[in-house]
Amino acid sequence: MSSAQSHPNDPLHGVTLEAILRHLEQQYGFDGLADRIKVNCFSNDPSIKSCLKFFRKTPWAREKLERLYIKSIGEKMPDHLKTVAARKTPPMMPKADKPAATGSGENSAIWGGNNKK
């Protein structure tokens, strides 16, 4: 029984990350991949080796790569990748307002303010 028959709902089953990268690089080139997935490994001195290292360590980017691969081969998107947009990283905390540089306050010595009262 082939891997496609044993896992009919998962087009990624049995496909290595390297095979996915090689397929997409042949289809789109590194420039085309950089346009589709905004990661430095596609735009700054790209190679299969550097991309493999990055995608193995970065789950959110790997999900984007897998989604692009599935679309490129015309397969149905598996359930575990359908909700990738809902799993965005949490928003960054807003930056705290900087205290006015009046020279007074408890941190004025640290921040170089005037210590005269």
N, C-alpha and C. Protein backbone atom coordinates (compact mmCIF):
# COMPACT_ATOMS: atom_id res chain seq x y z
N MET A 1 0.85 -1.18 0.00
CA MET A 1 0.00 0.00 0.00
C MET A 1 0.89 1.24 0.00
N SER A 2 0.62 2.19 -0.88
CA SER A 2 1.44 3.40 -0.95
C SER A 2 1.07 4.36 0.17
N SER A 3 1.96 5.34 0.42
CA SER A 3 1.69 6.31 1.49
C SER A 3 0.48 7.17 1.15
N ALA A 4 0.22 7.42 -0.12
CA ALA A 4 -0.95 8.21 -0.52
C ALA A 4 -2.23 7.45 -0.20
N GLN A 5 -2.21 6.11 -0.33
CA GLN A 5 -3.38 5.31 -0.03
C GLN A 5 -3.58 5.16 1.47
N SER A 6 -2.49 5.08 2.25
CA SER A 6 -2.62 4.88 3.69
C SER A 6 -3.01 6.16 4.41
N HIS A 7 -2.77 7.33 3.83
CA HIS A 7 -3.14 8.61 4.41
C HIS A 7 -3.75 9.50 3.32
N PRO A 8 -4.95 9.15 2.87
CA PRO A 8 -5.53 9.85 1.73
C PRO A 8 -5.86 11.32 2.00
N ASN A 9 -5.99 11.72 3.27
CA ASN A 9 -6.35 13.10 3.58
C ASN A 9 -5.14 13.98 3.89
N ASP A 10 -3.94 13.46 3.78
CA ASP A 10 -2.75 14.23 4.10
C ASP A 10 -1.74 14.17 2.96
N PRO A 11 -1.77 15.17 2.08
CA PRO A 11 -0.83 15.16 0.94
C PRO A 11 0.62 15.36 1.37
N LEU A 12 0.86 15.71 2.62
CA LEU A 12 2.23 15.89 3.11
C LEU A 12 2.83 14.59 3.64
N HIS A 13 2.01 13.57 3.85
CA HIS A 13 2.51 12.33 4.42
C HIS A 13 3.57 11.70 3.52
N GLY A 14 4.73 11.47 4.08
CA GLY A 14 5.82 10.84 3.35
C GLY A 14 6.65 11.80 2.50
N VAL A 15 6.31 13.08 2.50
CA VAL A 15 7.06 14.07 1.72
C VAL A 15 8.00 14.81 2.68
N THR A 16 9.28 14.79 2.38
CA THR A 16 10.24 15.44 3.26
C THR A 16 10.24 16.95 3.05
N LEU A 17 10.71 17.65 4.05
CA LEU A 17 10.83 19.11 3.94
C LEU A 17 11.76 19.47 2.78
N GLU A 18 12.81 18.71 2.61
CA GLU A 18 13.73 18.98 1.50
C GLU A 18 13.04 18.81 0.15
N ALA A 19 12.22 17.79 0.02
CA ALA A 19 11.48 17.58 -1.24
C ALA A 19 10.51 18.73 -1.50
N ILE A 20 9.86 19.23 -0.44
CA ILE A 20 8.95 20.36 -0.57
C ILE A 20 9.72 21.59 -1.05
N LEU A 21 10.85 21.87 -0.41
CA LEU A 21 11.66 23.04 -0.79
C LEU A 21 12.17 22.93 -2.23
N ARG A 22 12.66 21.77 -2.60
CA ARG A 22 13.18 21.59 -3.97
C ARG A 22 12.07 21.77 -5.00
N HIS A 23 10.89 21.22 -4.72
CA HIS A 23 9.76 21.37 -5.64
C HIS A 23 9.40 22.84 -5.81
N LEU A 24 9.26 23.55 -4.68
CA LEU A 24 8.85 24.96 -4.74
C LEU A 24 9.94 25.82 -5.37
N GLU A 25 11.20 25.52 -5.11
CA GLU A 25 12.29 26.30 -5.70
C GLU A 25 12.31 26.11 -7.22
N GLN A 26 12.04 24.90 -7.68
CA GLN A 26 11.99 24.65 -9.12
C GLN A 26 10.79 25.35 -9.75
N GLN A 27 9.68 25.38 -9.04
CA GLN A 27 8.46 25.98 -9.60
C GLN A 27 8.51 27.50 -9.59
N TYR A 28 8.97 28.11 -8.48
CA TYR A 28 8.90 29.55 -8.31
C TYR A 28 10.27 30.24 -8.32
N GLY A 29 11.32 29.51 -8.02
CA GLY A 29 12.62 30.13 -7.82
C GLY A 29 12.66 30.81 -6.46
N PHE A 30 13.85 31.13 -5.97
CA PHE A 30 13.96 31.76 -4.65
C PHE A 30 13.33 33.15 -4.65
N ASP A 31 13.44 33.87 -5.76
CA ASP A 31 12.80 35.20 -5.82
C ASP A 31 11.28 35.09 -5.71
N GLY A 32 10.70 34.13 -6.42
CA GLY A 32 9.26 33.92 -6.35
C GLY A 32 8.82 33.47 -4.97
N LEU A 33 9.63 32.65 -4.32
CA LEU A 33 9.31 32.22 -2.96
C LEU A 33 9.39 33.40 -1.99
N ALA A 34 10.38 34.26 -2.18
CA ALA A 34 10.52 35.44 -1.32
C ALA A 34 9.33 36.37 -1.46
N ASP A 35 8.73 36.43 -2.65
CA ASP A 35 7.53 37.23 -2.86
C ASP A 35 6.31 36.63 -2.15
N ARG A 36 6.27 35.31 -2.07
CA ARG A 36 5.11 34.62 -1.51
C ARG A 36 5.20 34.42 0.01
N ILE A 37 6.41 34.18 0.51
CA ILE A 37 6.63 33.97 1.94
C ILE A 37 7.76 34.91 2.36
N LYS A 38 7.45 35.87 3.18
CA LYS A 38 8.41 36.91 3.56
C LYS A 38 9.34 36.42 4.66
N VAL A 39 10.38 35.69 4.27
CA VAL A 39 11.40 35.25 5.21
C VAL A 39 12.77 35.50 4.58
N ASN A 40 13.74 35.82 5.41
CA ASN A 40 15.06 36.18 4.92
C ASN A 40 15.79 35.05 4.20
N CYS A 41 15.52 33.81 4.57
CA CYS A 41 16.27 32.72 3.94
C CYS A 41 15.98 32.61 2.44
N PHE A 42 14.89 33.19 1.96
CA PHE A 42 14.61 33.19 0.53
C PHE A 42 15.21 34.40 -0.18
N SER A 43 15.48 35.47 0.56
CA SER A 43 15.92 36.70 -0.09
C SER A 43 17.40 37.03 0.15
N ASN A 44 18.00 36.52 1.20
CA ASN A 44 19.40 36.83 1.50
C ASN A 44 20.27 35.59 1.34
N ASP A 45 20.97 35.50 0.22
CA ASP A 45 21.88 34.39 -0.08
C ASP A 45 21.18 33.03 0.11
N PRO A 46 20.10 32.78 -0.63
CA PRO A 46 19.30 31.58 -0.40
C PRO A 46 20.00 30.30 -0.86
N SER A 47 19.75 29.25 -0.12
CA SER A 47 20.19 27.90 -0.50
C SER A 47 19.23 26.91 0.15
N ILE A 48 19.16 25.73 -0.40
CA ILE A 48 18.30 24.70 0.18
C ILE A 48 18.74 24.42 1.61
N LYS A 49 20.05 24.36 1.84
CA LYS A 49 20.57 24.04 3.17
C LYS A 49 20.16 25.09 4.21
N SER A 50 20.30 26.38 3.88
CA SER A 50 19.93 27.42 4.84
C SER A 50 18.42 27.45 5.07
N CYS A 51 17.65 27.19 4.02
CA CYS A 51 16.20 27.16 4.16
C CYS A 51 15.75 25.98 5.03
N LEU A 52 16.37 24.83 4.84
CA LEU A 52 16.04 23.68 5.67
C LEU A 52 16.27 23.99 7.14
N LYS A 53 17.40 24.60 7.44
CA LYS A 53 17.72 24.94 8.82
C LYS A 53 16.67 25.88 9.40
N PHE A 54 16.29 26.90 8.64
CA PHE A 54 15.30 27.87 9.11
C PHE A 54 13.94 27.23 9.32
N PHE A 55 13.44 26.50 8.32
CA PHE A 55 12.08 25.96 8.40
C PHE A 55 11.95 24.85 9.44
N ARG A 56 13.04 24.16 9.75
CA ARG A 56 12.99 23.15 10.81
C ARG A 56 12.83 23.79 12.18
N LYS A 57 13.31 25.02 12.33
CA LYS A 57 13.27 25.70 13.62
C LYS A 57 12.10 26.67 13.77
N THR A 58 11.33 26.90 12.70
CA THR A 58 10.32 27.95 12.71
C THR A 58 8.97 27.39 12.26
N PRO A 59 8.18 26.89 13.23
CA PRO A 59 6.91 26.23 12.87
C PRO A 59 5.93 27.09 12.07
N TRP A 60 5.79 28.39 12.40
CA TRP A 60 4.82 29.22 11.67
C TRP A 60 5.22 29.37 10.21
N ALA A 61 6.51 29.46 9.95
CA ALA A 61 6.98 29.60 8.57
C ALA A 61 6.84 28.28 7.82
N ARG A 62 7.11 27.18 8.52
CA ARG A 62 6.97 25.87 7.88
C ARG A 62 5.51 25.63 7.47
N GLU A 63 4.56 26.05 8.30
CA GLU A 63 3.16 25.90 7.93
C GLU A 63 2.83 26.68 6.65
N LYS A 64 3.38 27.88 6.53
CA LYS A 64 3.16 28.66 5.31
C LYS A 64 3.76 27.96 4.10
N LEU A 65 4.95 27.39 4.28
CA LEU A 65 5.61 26.67 3.20
C LEU A 65 4.79 25.44 2.79
N GLU A 66 4.29 24.70 3.77
CA GLU A 66 3.48 23.52 3.48
C GLU A 66 2.18 23.89 2.77
N ARG A 67 1.57 25.00 3.18
CA ARG A 67 0.35 25.46 2.51
C ARG A 67 0.63 25.81 1.05
N LEU A 68 1.74 26.50 0.80
CA LEU A 68 2.10 26.86 -0.57
C LEU A 68 2.36 25.60 -1.40
N TYR A 69 3.02 24.63 -0.82
CA TYR A 69 3.30 23.38 -1.52
C TYR A 69 2.00 22.67 -1.91
N ILE A 70 1.08 22.56 -0.96
CA ILE A 70 -0.18 21.88 -1.22
C ILE A 70 -0.96 22.59 -2.32
N LYS A 71 -0.98 23.92 -2.27
CA LYS A 71 -1.65 24.67 -3.34
C LYS A 71 -0.97 24.44 -4.68
N SER A 72 0.37 24.36 -4.68
CA SER A 72 1.12 24.23 -5.93
C SER A 72 0.89 22.87 -6.60
N ILE A 73 0.58 21.85 -5.79
CA ILE A 73 0.34 20.53 -6.39
C ILE A 73 -1.15 20.27 -6.60
N GLY A 74 -1.99 21.25 -6.22
CA GLY A 74 -3.43 21.15 -6.48
C GLY A 74 -4.17 20.17 -5.60
N GLU A 75 -3.66 19.93 -4.41
CA GLU A 75 -4.33 19.01 -3.48
C GLU A 75 -5.24 19.75 -2.53
N LYS A 76 -6.13 19.01 -1.89
CA LYS A 76 -7.03 19.56 -0.89
C LYS A 76 -6.23 19.85 0.39
N MET A 77 -6.50 21.00 1.00
CA MET A 77 -5.79 21.42 2.20
C MET A 77 -6.21 20.54 3.39
N PRO A 78 -5.25 19.91 4.08
CA PRO A 78 -5.62 19.11 5.25
C PRO A 78 -6.13 20.00 6.38
N ASP A 79 -6.95 19.42 7.25
CA ASP A 79 -7.57 20.18 8.33
C ASP A 79 -6.56 20.89 9.22
N HIS A 80 -5.44 20.25 9.51
CA HIS A 80 -4.47 20.87 10.43
C HIS A 80 -3.81 22.12 9.85
N LEU A 81 -3.93 22.37 8.56
CA LEU A 81 -3.37 23.58 7.97
C LEU A 81 -4.44 24.60 7.59
N LYS A 82 -5.70 24.25 7.71
CA LYS A 82 -6.77 25.18 7.35
C LYS A 82 -6.86 26.36 8.30
N THR A 83 -6.48 26.19 9.53
CA THR A 83 -6.63 27.25 10.53
C THR A 83 -5.32 27.97 10.82
N VAL A 84 -4.36 27.90 9.94
CA VAL A 84 -3.06 28.52 10.19
C VAL A 84 -3.20 30.03 10.38
N ALA A 85 -4.13 30.66 9.70
CA ALA A 85 -4.30 32.10 9.83
C ALA A 85 -4.78 32.48 11.22
N ALA A 86 -5.52 31.58 11.86
CA ALA A 86 -6.04 31.87 13.20
C ALA A 86 -4.96 31.71 14.26
N ARG A 87 -3.83 31.08 13.93
CA ARG A 87 -2.77 30.85 14.91
C ARG A 87 -1.64 31.85 14.77
N LYS A 88 -1.96 33.05 14.49
CA LYS A 88 -0.93 34.07 14.37
C LYS A 88 -0.27 34.29 15.72
N THR A 89 0.94 34.75 15.68
CA THR A 89 1.62 35.05 16.93
C THR A 89 0.89 36.19 17.63
N PRO A 90 0.93 36.22 18.96
CA PRO A 90 0.21 37.28 19.67
C PRO A 90 0.76 38.64 19.31
N PRO A 91 -0.10 39.66 19.35
CA PRO A 91 0.38 41.00 19.00
C PRO A 91 1.42 41.47 20.00
N MET A 92 2.31 42.29 19.52
CA MET A 92 3.34 42.83 20.41
C MET A 92 2.70 43.78 21.41
N MET A 93 3.28 43.82 22.57
CA MET A 93 2.79 44.73 23.59
C MET A 93 3.08 46.16 23.15
N PRO A 94 2.16 47.07 23.40
CA PRO A 94 2.42 48.46 23.01
C PRO A 94 3.59 49.00 23.83
N LYS A 95 4.36 49.85 23.18
CA LYS A 95 5.50 50.46 23.86
C LYS A 95 4.99 51.44 24.91
N ALA A 96 5.65 51.39 26.06
CA ALA A 96 5.27 52.31 27.12
C ALA A 96 5.73 53.71 26.73
N ASP A 97 4.94 54.68 27.12
CA ASP A 97 5.32 56.06 26.86
C ASP A 97 6.58 56.38 27.64
N LYS A 98 7.48 57.07 26.99
CA LYS A 98 8.71 57.48 27.68
C LYS A 98 8.38 58.61 28.64
N PRO A 99 8.96 58.56 29.83
CA PRO A 99 8.71 59.66 30.75
C PRO A 99 9.35 60.95 30.23
N ALA A 100 8.72 62.03 30.54
CA ALA A 100 9.25 63.32 30.10
C ALA A 100 10.61 63.54 30.73
N ALA A 101 11.52 64.08 29.96
CA ALA A 101 12.89 64.31 30.45
C ALA A 101 12.94 65.64 31.18
N THR A 102 12.31 65.67 32.32
CA THR A 102 12.26 66.91 33.09
C THR A 102 13.39 67.01 34.09
N GLY A 103 14.03 65.86 34.35
CA GLY A 103 15.13 65.88 35.31
C GLY A 103 14.67 65.58 36.72
N SER A 104 13.40 65.39 36.93
CA SER A 104 12.94 65.03 38.26
C SER A 104 12.42 63.61 38.23
N GLY A 105 12.21 63.03 39.35
CA GLY A 105 11.69 61.68 39.41
C GLY A 105 12.74 60.70 39.88
N GLU A 106 12.27 59.50 40.18
CA GLU A 106 13.16 58.53 40.79
C GLU A 106 14.22 57.99 39.85
N ASN A 107 14.04 58.02 38.53
CA ASN A 107 15.02 57.48 37.60
C ASN A 107 15.84 58.54 36.89
N SER A 108 15.78 59.77 37.36
CA SER A 108 16.49 60.83 36.66
C SER A 108 18.00 60.63 36.69
N ALA A 109 18.52 60.03 37.74
CA ALA A 109 19.97 59.79 37.80
C ALA A 109 20.37 58.73 36.77
N ILE A 110 19.49 57.76 36.56
CA ILE A 110 19.77 56.69 35.61
C ILE A 110 19.73 57.22 34.19
N TRP A 111 18.72 58.02 33.88
CA TRP A 111 18.50 58.49 32.52
C TRP A 111 19.18 59.80 32.22
N GLY A 112 19.99 60.29 33.12
CA GLY A 112 20.77 61.48 32.84
C GLY A 112 20.01 62.78 33.06
N GLY A 113 18.99 62.74 33.85
CA GLY A 113 18.23 63.96 34.12
C GLY A 113 18.93 64.83 35.16
N ASN A 114 18.41 65.95 35.37
CA ASN A 114 18.95 66.90 36.31
C ASN A 114 18.50 66.50 37.71
N ASN A 115 19.43 66.30 38.64
CA ASN A 115 19.09 65.86 39.99
C ASN A 115 18.79 67.00 40.93
N LYS A 116 18.82 68.23 40.48
CA LYS A 116 18.56 69.36 41.36
C LYS A 116 17.08 69.45 41.67
N LYS A 117 16.77 69.77 42.91
CA LYS A 117 15.38 69.94 43.30
C LYS A 117 15.15 71.31 43.83
